[in-house]
């Protein structure tokens, strides 16, 4: 009889100890302006642009709207970003973005895996839609 109140008290105490702290291996939100987050986002956009290398347009990173990191065998970044479309030839010649009359913007979810001890990034997933 006395056992159940003790069990309940221990469970509730454990919940309050871990409240606000992610469990080991769980993704957790990080500031969008962290150097590592920005590096992962730039890598993802660079890989995304490889698909359009021969086309008339390229995409630039406008904003990182959300960033989460999960420690796995390396670091797994889940990044929600907004991309803007630019004319490819202007980016190559002047390194400036010339938007079209109605610029196309995309909302993308990128999953980037980083193996820091090998300085390796891999774009594991990309999902984009018009914003």
C-alpha atoms as a PDB file:
ATOM      1  CA  UNK A   1       0.000   0.000   0.000  1.00  0.00           C
ATOM      2  CA  UNK A   2       2.799   2.383   0.935  1.00  0.00           C
ATOM      3  CA  UNK A   3       4.700   1.424  -2.233  1.00  0.00           C
ATOM      4  CA  UNK A   4       2.431   3.171  -4.798  1.00  0.00           C
ATOM      5  CA  UNK A   5       2.658   6.660  -3.237  1.00  0.00           C
ATOM      6  CA  UNK A   6       6.459   6.272  -3.195  1.00  0.00           C
ATOM      7  CA  UNK A   7       6.512   5.226  -6.859  1.00  0.00           C
ATOM      8  CA  UNK A   8       4.287   8.162  -7.853  1.00  0.00           C
ATOM      9  CA  UNK A   9       6.432  10.590  -5.851  1.00  0.00           C
ATOM     10  CA  UNK A  10       9.620   9.296  -7.501  1.00  0.00           C
ATOM     11  CA  UNK A  11       8.133   9.561 -11.003  1.00  0.00           C
ATOM     12  CA  UNK A  12       6.941  13.109 -10.397  1.00  0.00           C
ATOM     13  CA  UNK A  13      10.296  14.088  -8.916  1.00  0.00           C
ATOM     14  CA  UNK A  14      12.060  12.640 -11.965  1.00  0.00           C
ATOM     15  CA  UNK A  15       9.781  14.584 -14.321  1.00  0.00           C
ATOM     16  CA  UNK A  16      10.556  17.844 -12.571  1.00  0.00           C
ATOM     17  CA  UNK A  17      14.307  17.167 -12.624  1.00  0.00           C
ATOM     18  CA  UNK A  18      14.308  16.555 -16.379  1.00  0.00           C
ATOM     19  CA  UNK A  19      11.777  19.231 -17.335  1.00  0.00           C
ATOM     20  CA  UNK A  20      13.414  21.719 -19.688  1.00  0.00           C
ATOM     21  CA  UNK A  21      16.375  19.436 -20.451  1.00  0.00           C
ATOM     22  CA  UNK A  22      16.299  17.278 -23.572  1.00  0.00           C
ATOM     23  CA  UNK A  23      16.786  13.582 -23.075  1.00  0.00           C
ATOM     24  CA  UNK A  24      20.045  12.184 -24.390  1.00  0.00           C
ATOM     25  CA  UNK A  25      19.756  11.648 -28.140  1.00  0.00           C
ATOM     26  CA  UNK A  26      16.645  13.832 -28.503  1.00  0.00           C
ATOM     27  CA  UNK A  27      16.651  16.784 -30.943  1.00  0.00           C
ATOM     28  CA  UNK A  28      16.758  20.176 -29.266  1.00  0.00           C
ATOM     29  CA  UNK A  29      16.281  23.726 -30.516  1.00  0.00           C
ATOM     30  CA  UNK A  30      19.385  25.872 -30.921  1.00  0.00           C
ATOM     31  CA  UNK A  31      19.877  29.549 -31.800  1.00  0.00           C
ATOM     32  CA  UNK A  32      19.631  30.132 -35.535  1.00  0.00           C
ATOM     33  CA  UNK A  33      22.712  32.352 -35.552  1.00  0.00           C
ATOM     34  CA  UNK A  34      25.164  29.723 -34.245  1.00  0.00           C
ATOM     35  CA  UNK A  35      28.184  29.413 -36.518  1.00  0.00           C
ATOM     36  CA  UNK A  36      27.653  25.661 -36.899  1.00  0.00           C
ATOM     37  CA  UNK A  37      24.004  26.153 -37.850  1.00  0.00           C
ATOM     38  CA  UNK A  38      24.857  28.804 -40.452  1.00  0.00           C
ATOM     39  CA  UNK A  39      27.605  26.572 -41.890  1.00  0.00           C
ATOM     40  CA  UNK A  40      25.202  23.635 -42.191  1.00  0.00           C
ATOM     41  CA  UNK A  41      22.590  25.888 -43.845  1.00  0.00           C
ATOM     42  CA  UNK A  42      25.125  27.265 -46.359  1.00  0.00           C
ATOM     43  CA  UNK A  43      26.201  23.724 -47.181  1.00  0.00           C
ATOM     44  CA  UNK A  44      22.578  22.639 -47.714  1.00  0.00           C
ATOM     45  CA  UNK A  45      21.858  25.576 -50.050  1.00  0.00           C
ATOM     46  CA  UNK A  46      25.063  24.870 -51.985  1.00  0.00           C
ATOM     47  CA  UNK A  47      24.049  21.233 -52.458  1.00  0.00           C
ATOM     48  CA  UNK A  48      20.485  22.282 -53.355  1.00  0.00           C
ATOM     49  CA  UNK A  49      21.869  24.622 -56.040  1.00  0.00           C
ATOM     50  CA  UNK A  50      23.851  21.815 -57.686  1.00  0.00           C
ATOM     51  CA  UNK A  51      20.560  20.609 -59.180  1.00  0.00           C
ATOM     52  CA  UNK A  52      20.130  23.982 -60.906  1.00  0.00           C
ATOM     53  CA  UNK A  53      23.761  24.505 -62.004  1.00  0.00           C
ATOM     54  CA  UNK A  54      22.876  24.500 -65.708  1.00  0.00           C
ATOM     55  CA  UNK A  55      19.641  26.462 -65.308  1.00  0.00           C
ATOM     56  CA  UNK A  56      19.034  30.212 -65.409  1.00  0.00           C
ATOM     57  CA  UNK A  57      18.446  30.550 -61.650  1.00  0.00           C
ATOM     58  CA  UNK A  58      20.189  29.900 -58.353  1.00  0.00           C
ATOM     59  CA  UNK A  59      18.934  30.182 -54.793  1.00  0.00           C
ATOM     60  CA  UNK A  60      20.296  32.147 -51.860  1.00  0.00           C
ATOM     61  CA  UNK A  61      19.641  31.759 -48.156  1.00  0.00           C
ATOM     62  CA  UNK A  62      17.276  34.489 -46.998  1.00  0.00           C
ATOM     63  CA  UNK A  63      16.508  33.311 -43.478  1.00  0.00           C
ATOM     64  CA  UNK A  64      16.913  30.378 -41.110  1.00  0.00           C
ATOM     65  CA  UNK A  65      13.516  30.144 -39.444  1.00  0.00           C
ATOM     66  CA  UNK A  66      14.176  27.143 -37.185  1.00  0.00           C
ATOM     67  CA  UNK A  67      17.157  25.035 -36.168  1.00  0.00           C
ATOM     68  CA  UNK A  68      17.363  21.832 -34.167  1.00  0.00           C
ATOM     69  CA  UNK A  69      20.346  19.603 -33.443  1.00  0.00           C
ATOM     70  CA  UNK A  70      20.384  15.951 -32.516  1.00  0.00           C
ATOM     71  CA  UNK A  71      23.526  14.184 -31.366  1.00  0.00           C
ATOM     72  CA  UNK A  72      23.766  10.888 -33.220  1.00  0.00           C
ATOM     73  CA  UNK A  73      26.984   9.424 -34.645  1.00  0.00           C
ATOM     74  CA  UNK A  74      27.855  13.028 -35.413  1.00  0.00           C
ATOM     75  CA  UNK A  75      25.434  15.951 -35.479  1.00  0.00           C
ATOM     76  CA  UNK A  76      22.082  15.960 -37.248  1.00  0.00           C
ATOM     77  CA  UNK A  77      20.779  19.442 -38.108  1.00  0.00           C
ATOM     78  CA  UNK A  78      17.091  19.937 -38.908  1.00  0.00           C
ATOM     79  CA  UNK A  79      16.866  23.343 -40.575  1.00  0.00           C
ATOM     80  CA  UNK A  80      13.819  25.218 -41.781  1.00  0.00           C
ATOM     81  CA  UNK A  81      14.951  27.934 -44.165  1.00  0.00           C
ATOM     82  CA  UNK A  82      13.614  30.447 -46.638  1.00  0.00           C
ATOM     83  CA  UNK A  83      15.376  30.674 -50.015  1.00  0.00           C
ATOM     84  CA  UNK A  84      15.208  33.405 -52.647  1.00  0.00           C
ATOM     85  CA  UNK A  85      15.617  32.863 -56.380  1.00  0.00           C
ATOM     86  CA  UNK A  86      18.239  34.864 -58.298  1.00  0.00           C
ATOM     87  CA  UNK A  87      19.416  34.988 -61.874  1.00  0.00           C
ATOM     88  CA  UNK A  88      22.363  32.605 -62.225  1.00  0.00           C
ATOM     89  CA  UNK A  89      24.483  34.761 -64.532  1.00  0.00           C
ATOM     90  CA  UNK A  90      24.248  37.793 -62.231  1.00  0.00           C
ATOM     91  CA  UNK A  91      25.378  35.746 -59.244  1.00  0.00           C
ATOM     92  CA  UNK A  92      28.397  34.431 -61.164  1.00  0.00           C
ATOM     93  CA  UNK A  93      29.439  37.788 -62.646  1.00  0.00           C
ATOM     94  CA  UNK A  94      28.742  40.253 -59.839  1.00  0.00           C
ATOM     95  CA  UNK A  95      28.015  38.089 -56.775  1.00  0.00           C
ATOM     96  CA  UNK A  96      24.781  40.033 -56.276  1.00  0.00           C
ATOM     97  CA  UNK A  97      21.250  38.774 -56.444  1.00  0.00           C
ATOM     98  CA  UNK A  98      18.993  40.330 -59.051  1.00  0.00           C
ATOM     99  CA  UNK A  99      15.421  39.291 -58.319  1.00  0.00           C
ATOM    100  CA  UNK A 100      12.896  38.852 -61.051  1.00  0.00           C
ATOM    101  CA  UNK A 101       9.863  41.104 -61.224  1.00  0.00           C
ATOM    102  CA  UNK A 102       8.031  38.519 -59.104  1.00  0.00           C
ATOM    103  CA  UNK A 103      10.777  36.741 -57.153  1.00  0.00           C
ATOM    104  CA  UNK A 104      10.170  33.141 -56.250  1.00  0.00           C
ATOM    105  CA  UNK A 105      10.750  32.221 -52.618  1.00  0.00           C
ATOM    106  CA  UNK A 106      10.905  28.690 -51.270  1.00  0.00           C
ATOM    107  CA  UNK A 107      10.412  27.297 -47.785  1.00  0.00           C
ATOM    108  CA  UNK A 108      12.690  24.300 -47.280  1.00  0.00           C
ATOM    109  CA  UNK A 109      13.386  21.679 -44.670  1.00  0.00           C
ATOM    110  CA  UNK A 110      16.981  20.458 -44.841  1.00  0.00           C
ATOM    111  CA  UNK A 111      18.418  17.596 -42.819  1.00  0.00           C
ATOM    112  CA  UNK A 112      22.204  17.889 -42.722  1.00  0.00           C
ATOM    113  CA  UNK A 113      24.480  15.332 -41.125  1.00  0.00           C
ATOM    114  CA  UNK A 114      27.851  16.537 -39.864  1.00  0.00           C
ATOM    115  CA  UNK A 115      30.740  14.360 -38.791  1.00  0.00           C
ATOM    116  CA  UNK A 116      32.862  17.040 -37.092  1.00  0.00           C
ATOM    117  CA  UNK A 117      35.980  14.920 -36.542  1.00  0.00           C
ATOM    118  CA  UNK A 118      36.140  14.252 -40.291  1.00  0.00           C
ATOM    119  CA  UNK A 119      34.959  17.730 -41.407  1.00  0.00           C
ATOM    120  CA  UNK A 120      32.226  16.061 -43.484  1.00  0.00           C
ATOM    121  CA  UNK A 121      28.708  17.297 -44.246  1.00  0.00           C
ATOM    122  CA  UNK A 122      26.000  15.294 -46.017  1.00  0.00           C
ATOM    123  CA  UNK A 123      22.626  16.625 -47.166  1.00  0.00           C
ATOM    124  CA  UNK A 124      20.415  13.730 -46.052  1.00  0.00           C
ATOM    125  CA  UNK A 125      17.032  15.248 -46.927  1.00  0.00           C
ATOM    126  CA  UNK A 126      15.556  18.254 -48.683  1.00  0.00           C
ATOM    127  CA  UNK A 127      11.907  19.166 -48.975  1.00  0.00           C
ATOM    128  CA  UNK A 128      10.941  22.484 -50.545  1.00  0.00           C
ATOM    129  CA  UNK A 129       7.716  24.212 -51.482  1.00  0.00           C
ATOM    130  CA  UNK A 130       6.697  27.668 -52.619  1.00  0.00           C
ATOM    131  CA  UNK A 131       6.291  30.019 -49.679  1.00  0.00           C
END
